Each structure stands twice: as C-alpha cells, then as structure tokens.
C-alpha cells in the first residue's frame, strides 16, 4: 500500500511510503537536505517498519525537537496504528 505523509517542523515537505508485508518497498522524500534524504530513503528499502521506527524515533535536528528521520518514524507509527490512510 502507498501512503503520503506531510511531515511537520522539518525541511522536507512530503514523504511517499510504500509498504508490503510490513516492509518498506519504496520511500521518497520531497525537499529537505538532498544527500541525507536520498541516503535515508535508500537505507529504508526492504527494512521492517518496526526496525525503522526503533532506529529513527527521537532523532532531533539542530535545536528542533524532531527531524526528518523522527518524522519518518512518526509516519510509520501512524501507518501501523492505521491512523494514516493509504493514498488513492
């Protein structure tokens, strides 16, 4: 299933996530720090969503209380809780 998440309080503006069998099969981040967002997106492919949440949750960026990786964890948590609906 494909999901679209709009992160908050970070430079990135949209995260496109595709999940199959509890694994991330495709992940794209719009905007943000280009090198970091591309690297994180590649590292997430074929990762179990629970593992990704555990690895990324709570990471901060500069003086912010969140970061792009933390927002990824939030998006995946919402998907697990069925609070983020699939994209149409």
PDB file of N, CA and C in Angstrom:
ATOM      1  N   UNK A   1       0.828  -1.179   0.000  1.00  0.00           N
ATOM      2  CA  UNK A   1       0.000   0.000   0.000  1.00  0.00           C
ATOM      3  C   UNK A   1       0.877   1.248   0.000  1.00  0.00           C
ATOM      4  N   UNK A   2       0.377   2.266  -0.644  1.00  0.00           N
ATOM      5  CA  UNK A   2       1.095   3.532  -0.727  1.00  0.00           C
ATOM      6  C   UNK A   2       0.468   4.553   0.217  1.00  0.00           C
ATOM      7  N   UNK A   3       1.347   5.319   0.854  1.00  0.00           N
ATOM      8  CA  UNK A   3       0.928   6.340   1.807  1.00  0.00           C
ATOM      9  C   UNK A   3       1.652   7.639   1.501  1.00  0.00           C
ATOM     10  N   UNK A   4       1.001   8.749   1.826  1.00  0.00           N
ATOM     11  CA  UNK A   4       1.615  10.066   1.716  1.00  0.00           C
ATOM     12  C   UNK A   4       1.554  10.702   3.099  1.00  0.00           C
ATOM     13  N   UNK A   5       2.712  11.130   3.582  1.00  0.00           N
ATOM     14  CA  UNK A   5       2.793  11.773   4.894  1.00  0.00           C
ATOM     15  C   UNK A   5       3.366  13.170   4.722  1.00  0.00           C
ATOM     16  N   UNK A   6       2.750  14.144   5.364  1.00  0.00           N
ATOM     17  CA  UNK A   6       3.230  15.526   5.332  1.00  0.00           C
ATOM     18  C   UNK A   6       3.908  15.819   6.663  1.00  0.00           C
ATOM     19  N   UNK A   7       5.243  15.800   6.691  1.00  0.00           N
ATOM     20  CA  UNK A   7       5.967  15.998   7.940  1.00  0.00           C
ATOM     21  C   UNK A   7       5.797  17.418   8.487  1.00  0.00           C
ATOM     22  N   UNK A   8       6.029  17.557   9.795  1.00  0.00           N
ATOM     23  CA  UNK A   8       5.860  18.844  10.454  1.00  0.00           C
ATOM     24  C   UNK A   8       7.168  19.287  11.099  1.00  0.00           C
ATOM     25  N   UNK A   9       7.419  20.587  11.024  1.00  0.00           N
ATOM     26  CA  UNK A   9       8.570  21.234  11.681  1.00  0.00           C
ATOM     27  C   UNK A   9       9.926  20.757  11.169  1.00  0.00           C
ATOM     28  N   UNK A  10       9.982  20.349   9.906  1.00  0.00           N
ATOM     29  CA  UNK A  10      11.245  19.960   9.270  1.00  0.00           C
ATOM     30  C   UNK A  10      11.300  20.549   7.867  1.00  0.00           C
ATOM     31  N   UNK A  11      12.437  20.435   7.219  1.00  0.00           N
ATOM     32  CA  UNK A  11      12.614  20.999   5.872  1.00  0.00           C
ATOM     33  C   UNK A  11      11.876  20.203   4.798  1.00  0.00           C
ATOM     34  N   UNK A  12      11.777  18.898   4.967  1.00  0.00           N
ATOM     35  CA  UNK A  12      11.083  18.090   3.963  1.00  0.00           C
ATOM     36  C   UNK A  12       9.581  18.401   4.008  1.00  0.00           C
ATOM     37  N   UNK A  13       8.930  18.260   2.855  1.00  0.00           N
ATOM     38  CA  UNK A  13       7.528  18.650   2.765  1.00  0.00           C
ATOM     39  C   UNK A  13       6.578  17.481   2.505  1.00  0.00           C
ATOM     40  N   UNK A  14       7.108  16.363   2.030  1.00  0.00           N
ATOM     41  CA  UNK A  14       6.249  15.206   1.767  1.00  0.00           C
ATOM     42  C   UNK A  14       7.082  13.935   1.779  1.00  0.00           C
ATOM     43  N   UNK A  15       6.486  12.868   2.298  1.00  0.00           N
ATOM     44  CA  UNK A  15       7.119  11.553   2.295  1.00  0.00           C
ATOM     45  C   UNK A  15       6.161  10.572   1.638  1.00  0.00           C
ATOM     46  N   UNK A  16       6.628   9.930   0.583  1.00  0.00           N
ATOM     47  CA  UNK A  16       5.841   8.916  -0.111  1.00  0.00           C
ATOM     48  C   UNK A  16       6.377   7.557   0.312  1.00  0.00           C
ATOM     49  N   UNK A  17       5.510   6.750   0.890  1.00  0.00           N
ATOM     50  CA  UNK A  17       5.909   5.497   1.503  1.00  0.00           C
ATOM     51  C   UNK A  17       5.093   4.365   0.895  1.00  0.00           C
ATOM     52  N   UNK A  18       5.769   3.282   0.526  1.00  0.00           N
ATOM     53  CA  UNK A  18       5.063   2.089   0.058  1.00  0.00           C
ATOM     54  C   UNK A  18       5.461   0.922   0.951  1.00  0.00           C
ATOM     55  N   UNK A  19       4.442   0.262   1.498  1.00  0.00           N
ATOM     56  CA  UNK A  19       4.636  -0.844   2.436  1.00  0.00           C
ATOM     57  C   UNK A  19       4.010  -2.111   1.861  1.00  0.00           C
ATOM     58  N   UNK A  20       4.745  -3.226   1.951  1.00  0.00           N
ATOM     59  CA  UNK A  20       4.210  -4.544   1.615  1.00  0.00           C
ATOM     60  C   UNK A  20       4.720  -5.534   2.650  1.00  0.00           C
ATOM     61  N   UNK A  21       3.809  -6.291   3.233  1.00  0.00           N
ATOM     62  CA  UNK A  21       4.174  -7.315   4.220  1.00  0.00           C
ATOM     63  C   UNK A  21       5.035  -6.739   5.345  1.00  0.00           C
ATOM     64  N   UNK A  22       4.643  -5.583   5.848  1.00  0.00           N
ATOM     65  CA  UNK A  22       5.328  -4.915   6.963  1.00  0.00           C
ATOM     66  C   UNK A  22       6.750  -4.452   6.622  1.00  0.00           C
ATOM     67  N   UNK A  23       7.083  -4.397   5.332  1.00  0.00           N
ATOM     68  CA  UNK A  23       8.398  -3.917   4.898  1.00  0.00           C
ATOM     69  C   UNK A  23       8.227  -2.701   4.002  1.00  0.00           C
ATOM     70  N   UNK A  24       9.213  -1.814   4.079  1.00  0.00           N
ATOM     71  CA  UNK A  24       9.228  -0.623   3.235  1.00  0.00           C
ATOM     72  C   UNK A  24       9.803  -1.035   1.878  1.00  0.00           C
ATOM     73  N   UNK A  25       9.016  -0.887   0.828  1.00  0.00           N
ATOM     74  CA  UNK A  25       9.487  -1.281  -0.500  1.00  0.00           C
ATOM     75  C   UNK A  25       9.826  -0.079  -1.383  1.00  0.00           C
ATOM     76  N   UNK A  26       9.328   1.093  -0.999  1.00  0.00           N
ATOM     77  CA  UNK A  26       9.673   2.307  -1.734  1.00  0.00           C
ATOM     78  C   UNK A  26       9.507   3.481  -0.776  1.00  0.00           C
ATOM     79  N   UNK A  27      10.431   4.435  -0.865  1.00  0.00           N
ATOM     80  CA  UNK A  27      10.378   5.585   0.045  1.00  0.00           C
ATOM     81  C   UNK A  27      11.014   6.784  -0.642  1.00  0.00           C
ATOM     82  N   UNK A  28      10.288   7.881  -0.703  1.00  0.00           N
ATOM     83  CA  UNK A  28      10.808   9.109  -1.306  1.00  0.00           C
ATOM     84  C   UNK A  28      10.466  10.287  -0.409  1.00  0.00           C
ATOM     85  N   UNK A  29      11.421  11.213  -0.308  1.00  0.00           N
ATOM     86  CA  UNK A  29      11.240  12.414   0.493  1.00  0.00           C
ATOM     87  C   UNK A  29      11.369  13.630  -0.418  1.00  0.00           C
ATOM     88  N   UNK A  30      10.377  14.512  -0.372  1.00  0.00           N
ATOM     89  CA  UNK A  30      10.434  15.750  -1.146  1.00  0.00           C
ATOM     90  C   UNK A  30      11.059  16.843  -0.287  1.00  0.00           C
ATOM     91  N   UNK A  31      12.038  17.517  -0.868  1.00  0.00           N
ATOM     92  CA  UNK A  31      12.763  18.622  -0.227  1.00  0.00           C
ATOM     93  C   UNK A  31      13.605  18.115   0.942  1.00  0.00           C
ATOM     94  N   UNK A  32      14.063  18.992   1.786  1.00  0.00           N
ATOM     95  CA  UNK A  32      14.982  18.607   2.854  1.00  0.00           C
ATOM     96  C   UNK A  32      16.421  18.633   2.365  1.00  0.00           C
ATOM     97  N   UNK A  33      17.339  18.116   3.156  1.00  0.00           N
ATOM     98  CA  UNK A  33      18.758  18.060   2.799  1.00  0.00           C
ATOM     99  C   UNK A  33      18.951  16.936   1.783  1.00  0.00           C
ATOM    100  N   UNK A  34      19.255  17.254   0.513  1.00  0.00           N
ATOM    101  CA  UNK A  34      19.228  16.264  -0.552  1.00  0.00           C
ATOM    102  C   UNK A  34      20.048  14.997  -0.306  1.00  0.00           C
ATOM    103  N   UNK A  35      21.274  15.151   0.122  1.00  0.00           N
ATOM    104  CA  UNK A  35      22.108  13.969   0.341  1.00  0.00           C
ATOM    105  C   UNK A  35      21.559  13.087   1.445  1.00  0.00           C
ATOM    106  N   UNK A  36      21.162  13.706   2.534  1.00  0.00           N
ATOM    107  CA  UNK A  36      20.639  12.941   3.667  1.00  0.00           C
ATOM    108  C   UNK A  36      19.322  12.254   3.324  1.00  0.00           C
ATOM    109  N   UNK A  37      18.421  12.960   2.667  1.00  0.00           N
ATOM    110  CA  UNK A  37      17.124  12.355   2.368  1.00  0.00           C
ATOM    111  C   UNK A  37      17.253  11.217   1.364  1.00  0.00           C
ATOM    112  N   UNK A  38      18.149  11.357   0.395  1.00  0.00           N
ATOM    113  CA  UNK A  38      18.378  10.263  -0.561  1.00  0.00           C
ATOM    114  C   UNK A  38      18.982   9.062   0.143  1.00  0.00           C
ATOM    115  N   UNK A  39      19.942   9.302   1.022  1.00  0.00           N
ATOM    116  CA  UNK A  39      20.600   8.200   1.740  1.00  0.00           C
ATOM    117  C   UNK A  39      19.611   7.473   2.642  1.00  0.00           C
ATOM    118  N   UNK A  40      18.844   8.222   3.414  1.00  0.00           N
ATOM    119  CA  UNK A  40      17.874   7.602   4.319  1.00  0.00           C
ATOM    120  C   UNK A  40      16.851   6.800   3.515  1.00  0.00           C
ATOM    121  N   UNK A  41      16.388   7.357   2.413  1.00  0.00           N
ATOM    122  CA  UNK A  41      15.417   6.653   1.576  1.00  0.00           C
ATOM    123  C   UNK A  41      15.962   5.316   1.091  1.00  0.00           C
ATOM    124  N   UNK A  42      17.204   5.294   0.654  1.00  0.00           N
ATOM    125  CA  UNK A  42      17.810   4.041   0.184  1.00  0.00           C
ATOM    126  C   UNK A  42      18.004   3.033   1.311  1.00  0.00           C
ATOM    127  N   UNK A  43      18.400   3.523   2.478  1.00  0.00           N
ATOM    128  CA  UNK A  43      18.625   2.632   3.613  1.00  0.00           C
ATOM    129  C   UNK A  43      17.333   1.979   4.103  1.00  0.00           C
ATOM    130  N   UNK A  44      16.202   2.642   3.903  1.00  0.00           N
ATOM    131  CA  UNK A  44      14.931   2.117   4.379  1.00  0.00           C
ATOM    132  C   UNK A  44      14.366   0.996   3.522  1.00  0.00           C
ATOM    133  N   UNK A  45      14.786   0.902   2.271  1.00  0.00           N
ATOM    134  CA  UNK A  45      14.223  -0.100   1.367  1.00  0.00           C
ATOM    135  C   UNK A  45      14.469  -1.504   1.926  1.00  0.00           C
ATOM    136  N   UNK A  46      13.411  -2.299   1.961  1.00  0.00           N
ATOM    137  CA  UNK A  46      13.378  -3.669   2.483  1.00  0.00           C
ATOM    138  C   UNK A  46      13.511  -3.763   3.992  1.00  0.00           C
ATOM    139  N   UNK A  47      13.467  -2.625   4.695  1.00  0.00           N
ATOM    140  CA  UNK A  47      13.539  -2.650   6.152  1.00  0.00           C
ATOM    141  C   UNK A  47      12.148  -2.870   6.734  1.00  0.00           C
ATOM    142  N   UNK A  48      12.074  -3.661   7.780  1.00  0.00           N
ATOM    143  CA  UNK A  48      10.842  -3.874   8.525  1.00  0.00           C
ATOM    144  C   UNK A  48      10.439  -2.548   9.175  1.00  0.00           C
ATOM    145  N   UNK A  49       9.152  -2.222   9.147  1.00  0.00           N
ATOM    146  CA  UNK A  49       8.754  -0.915   9.666  1.00  0.00           C
ATOM    147  C   UNK A  49       9.027  -0.777  11.166  1.00  0.00           C
ATOM    148  N   UNK A  50       8.937  -1.874  11.906  1.00  0.00           N
ATOM    149  CA  UNK A  50       9.238  -1.794  13.339  1.00  0.00           C
ATOM    150  C   UNK A  50      10.711  -1.474  13.576  1.00  0.00           C
ATOM    151  N   UNK A  51      11.577  -2.059  12.772  1.00  0.00           N
ATOM    152  CA  UNK A  51      13.014  -1.775  12.888  1.00  0.00           C
ATOM    153  C   UNK A  51      13.282  -0.306  12.558  1.00  0.00           C
ATOM    154  N   UNK A  52      12.649   0.196  11.502  1.00  0.00           N
ATOM    155  CA  UNK A  52      12.843   1.599  11.105  1.00  0.00           C
ATOM    156  C   UNK A  52      12.367   2.537  12.214  1.00  0.00           C
ATOM    157  N   UNK A  53      11.218   2.236  12.798  1.00  0.00           N
ATOM    158  CA  UNK A  53      10.703   3.074  13.890  1.00  0.00           C
ATOM    159  C   UNK A  53      11.703   3.094  15.041  1.00  0.00           C
ATOM    160  N   UNK A  54      12.188   1.930  15.435  1.00  0.00           N
ATOM    161  CA  UNK A  54      13.136   1.835  16.551  1.00  0.00           C
ATOM    162  C   UNK A  54      14.438   2.581  16.274  1.00  0.00           C
ATOM    163  N   UNK A  55      14.900   2.565  15.039  1.00  0.00           N
ATOM    164  CA  UNK A  55      16.164   3.212  14.679  1.00  0.00           C
ATOM    165  C   UNK A  55      16.035   4.738  14.595  1.00  0.00           C
ATOM    166  N   UNK A  56      14.879   5.223  14.158  1.00  0.00           N
ATOM    167  CA  UNK A  56      14.743   6.636  13.814  1.00  0.00           C
ATOM    168  C   UNK A  56      14.001   7.494  14.830  1.00  0.00           C
ATOM    169  N   UNK A  57      13.187   6.873  15.662  1.00  0.00           N
ATOM    170  CA  UNK A  57      12.363   7.612  16.622  1.00  0.00           C
ATOM    171  C   UNK A  57      13.231   8.419  17.590  1.00  0.00           C
ATOM    172  N   UNK A  58      12.876   9.686  17.744  1.00  0.00           N
ATOM    173  CA  UNK A  58      13.540  10.539  18.729  1.00  0.00           C
ATOM    174  C   UNK A  58      14.771  11.279  18.240  1.00  0.00           C
ATOM    175  N   UNK A  59      15.185  11.064  16.994  1.00  0.00           N
ATOM    176  CA  UNK A  59      16.337  11.803  16.459  1.00  0.00           C
ATOM    177  C   UNK A  59      15.919  13.262  16.273  1.00  0.00           C
ATOM    178  N   UNK A  60      16.771  14.180  16.706  1.00  0.00           N
ATOM    179  CA  UNK A  60      16.471  15.606  16.562  1.00  0.00           C
ATOM    180  C   UNK A  60      17.418  16.240  15.544  1.00  0.00           C
ATOM    181  N   UNK A  61      17.074  17.437  15.105  1.00  0.00           N
ATOM    182  CA  UNK A  61      17.886  18.188  14.147  1.00  0.00           C
ATOM    183  C   UNK A  61      18.114  19.587  14.702  1.00  0.00           C
ATOM    184  N   UNK A  62      19.364  19.898  14.931  1.00  0.00           N
ATOM    185  CA  UNK A  62      19.737  21.195  15.500  1.00  0.00           C
ATOM    186  C   UNK A  62      18.946  21.453  16.775  1.00  0.00           C
ATOM    187  N   UNK A  63      18.281  22.580  16.874  1.00  0.00           N
ATOM    188  CA  UNK A  63      17.553  22.900  18.103  1.00  0.00           C
ATOM    189  C   UNK A  63      16.090  22.447  18.061  1.00  0.00           C
ATOM    190  N   UNK A  64      15.705  21.756  16.986  1.00  0.00           N
ATOM    191  CA  UNK A  64      14.318  21.288  16.858  1.00  0.00           C
ATOM    192  C   UNK A  64      14.096  20.037  17.709  1.00  0.00           C
ATOM    193  N   UNK A  65      12.866  19.801  18.072  1.00  0.00           N
ATOM    194  CA  UNK A  65      12.532  18.606  18.849  1.00  0.00           C
ATOM    195  C   UNK A  65      12.259  17.400  17.966  1.00  0.00           C
ATOM    196  N   UNK A  66      12.412  17.569  16.659  1.00  0.00           N
ATOM    197  CA  UNK A  66      12.176  16.492  15.706  1.00  0.00           C
ATOM    198  C   UNK A  66      13.202  16.593  14.580  1.00  0.00           C
ATOM    199  N   UNK A  67      13.097  15.709  13.603  1.00  0.00           N
ATOM    200  CA  UNK A  67      13.979  15.703  12.429  1.00  0.00           C
ATOM    201  C   UNK A  67      13.261  14.928  11.333  1.00  0.00           C
ATOM    202  N   UNK A  68      13.837  14.910  10.145  1.00  0.00           N
ATOM    203  CA  UNK A  68      13.244  14.103   9.071  1.00  0.00           C
ATOM    204  C   UNK A  68      13.187  12.623   9.481  1.00  0.00           C
ATOM    205  N   UNK A  69      14.278  12.045  10.031  1.00  0.00           N
ATOM    206  CA  UNK A  69      14.185  10.648  10.470  1.00  0.00           C
ATOM    207  C   UNK A  69      13.099  10.429  11.544  1.00  0.00           C
ATOM    208  N   UNK A  70      12.981  11.351  12.488  1.00  0.00           N
ATOM    209  CA  UNK A  70      11.948  11.227  13.515  1.00  0.00           C
ATOM    210  C   UNK A  70      10.562  11.304  12.883  1.00  0.00           C
ATOM    211  N   UNK A  71      10.394  12.160  11.881  1.00  0.00           N
ATOM    212  CA  UNK A  71       9.119  12.263  11.183  1.00  0.00           C
ATOM    213  C   UNK A  71       8.804  10.979  10.409  1.00  0.00           C
ATOM    214  N   UNK A  72       9.826  10.317   9.891  1.00  0.00           N
ATOM    215  CA  UNK A  72       9.631   9.018   9.235  1.00  0.00           C
ATOM    216  C   UNK A  72       9.084   8.024  10.261  1.00  0.00           C
ATOM    217  N   UNK A  73       9.686   7.997  11.438  1.00  0.00           N
ATOM    218  CA  UNK A  73       9.211   7.099  12.499  1.00  0.00           C
ATOM    219  C   UNK A  73       7.760   7.412  12.857  1.00  0.00           C
ATOM    220  N   UNK A  74       7.421   8.695  12.904  1.00  0.00           N
ATOM    221  CA  UNK A  74       6.039   9.079  13.213  1.00  0.00           C
ATOM    222  C   UNK A  74       5.089   8.609  12.114  1.00  0.00           C
ATOM    223  N   UNK A  75       5.488   8.767  10.862  1.00  0.00           N
ATOM    224  CA  UNK A  75       4.653   8.318   9.746  1.00  0.00           C
ATOM    225  C   UNK A  75       4.442   6.805   9.813  1.00  0.00           C
ATOM    226  N   UNK A  76       5.515   6.057  10.047  1.00  0.00           N
ATOM    227  CA  UNK A  76       5.407   4.593  10.111  1.00  0.00           C
ATOM    228  C   UNK A  76       4.563   4.148  11.299  1.00  0.00           C
ATOM    229  N   UNK A  77       4.665   4.867  12.401  1.00  0.00           N
ATOM    230  CA  UNK A  77       3.838   4.556  13.565  1.00  0.00           C
ATOM    231  C   UNK A  77       2.361   4.771  13.239  1.00  0.00           C
ATOM    232  N   UNK A  78       2.052   5.868  12.559  1.00  0.00           N
ATOM    233  CA  UNK A  78       0.674   6.128  12.153  1.00  0.00           C
ATOM    234  C   UNK A  78       0.160   5.054  11.206  1.00  0.00           C
ATOM    235  N   UNK A  79       1.019   4.586  10.310  1.00  0.00           N
ATOM    236  CA  UNK A  79       0.630   3.512   9.387  1.00  0.00           C
ATOM    237  C   UNK A  79       0.317   2.249  10.181  1.00  0.00           C
ATOM    238  N   UNK A  80       1.201   1.895  11.121  1.00  0.00           N
ATOM    239  CA  UNK A  80       0.975   0.705  11.953  1.00  0.00           C
ATOM    240  C   UNK A  80      -0.334   0.808  12.737  1.00  0.00           C
ATOM    241  N   UNK A  81      -0.617   1.983  13.244  1.00  0.00           N
ATOM    242  CA  UNK A  81      -1.832   2.203  14.038  1.00  0.00           C
ATOM    243  C   UNK A  81      -3.075   2.397  13.163  1.00  0.00           C
ATOM    244  N   UNK A  82      -2.869   2.334  11.845  1.00  0.00           N
ATOM    245  CA  UNK A  82      -3.947   2.533  10.869  1.00  0.00           C
ATOM    246  C   UNK A  82      -4.596   3.921  10.993  1.00  0.00           C
ATOM    247  N   UNK A  83      -3.777   4.901  11.421  1.00  0.00           N
ATOM    248  CA  UNK A  83      -4.258   6.287  11.529  1.00  0.00           C
ATOM    249  C   UNK A  83      -3.868   7.119  10.316  1.00  0.00           C
ATOM    250  N   UNK A  84      -2.990   6.579   9.468  1.00  0.00           N
ATOM    251  CA  UNK A  84      -2.653   7.230   8.202  1.00  0.00           C
ATOM    252  C   UNK A  84      -3.232   6.351   7.102  1.00  0.00           C
ATOM    253  N   UNK A  85      -4.173   6.891   6.380  1.00  0.00           N
ATOM    254  CA  UNK A  85      -4.880   6.105   5.359  1.00  0.00           C
ATOM    255  C   UNK A  85      -4.052   6.000   4.097  1.00  0.00           C
ATOM    256  N   UNK A  86      -4.193   4.893   3.365  1.00  0.00           N
ATOM    257  CA  UNK A  86      -3.476   4.738   2.091  1.00  0.00           C
ATOM    258  C   UNK A  86      -3.853   5.837   1.106  1.00  0.00           C
ATOM    259  N   UNK A  87      -2.905   6.174   0.247  1.00  0.00           N
ATOM    260  CA  UNK A  87      -3.153   7.163  -0.806  1.00  0.00           C
ATOM    261  C   UNK A  87      -4.077   6.558  -1.856  1.00  0.00           C
ATOM    262  N   UNK A  88      -4.827   7.421  -2.499  1.00  0.00           N
ATOM    263  CA  UNK A  88      -5.734   6.939  -3.551  1.00  0.00           C
ATOM    264  C   UNK A  88      -5.121   7.101  -4.909  1.00  0.00           C
TER     265      UNK A  88
END
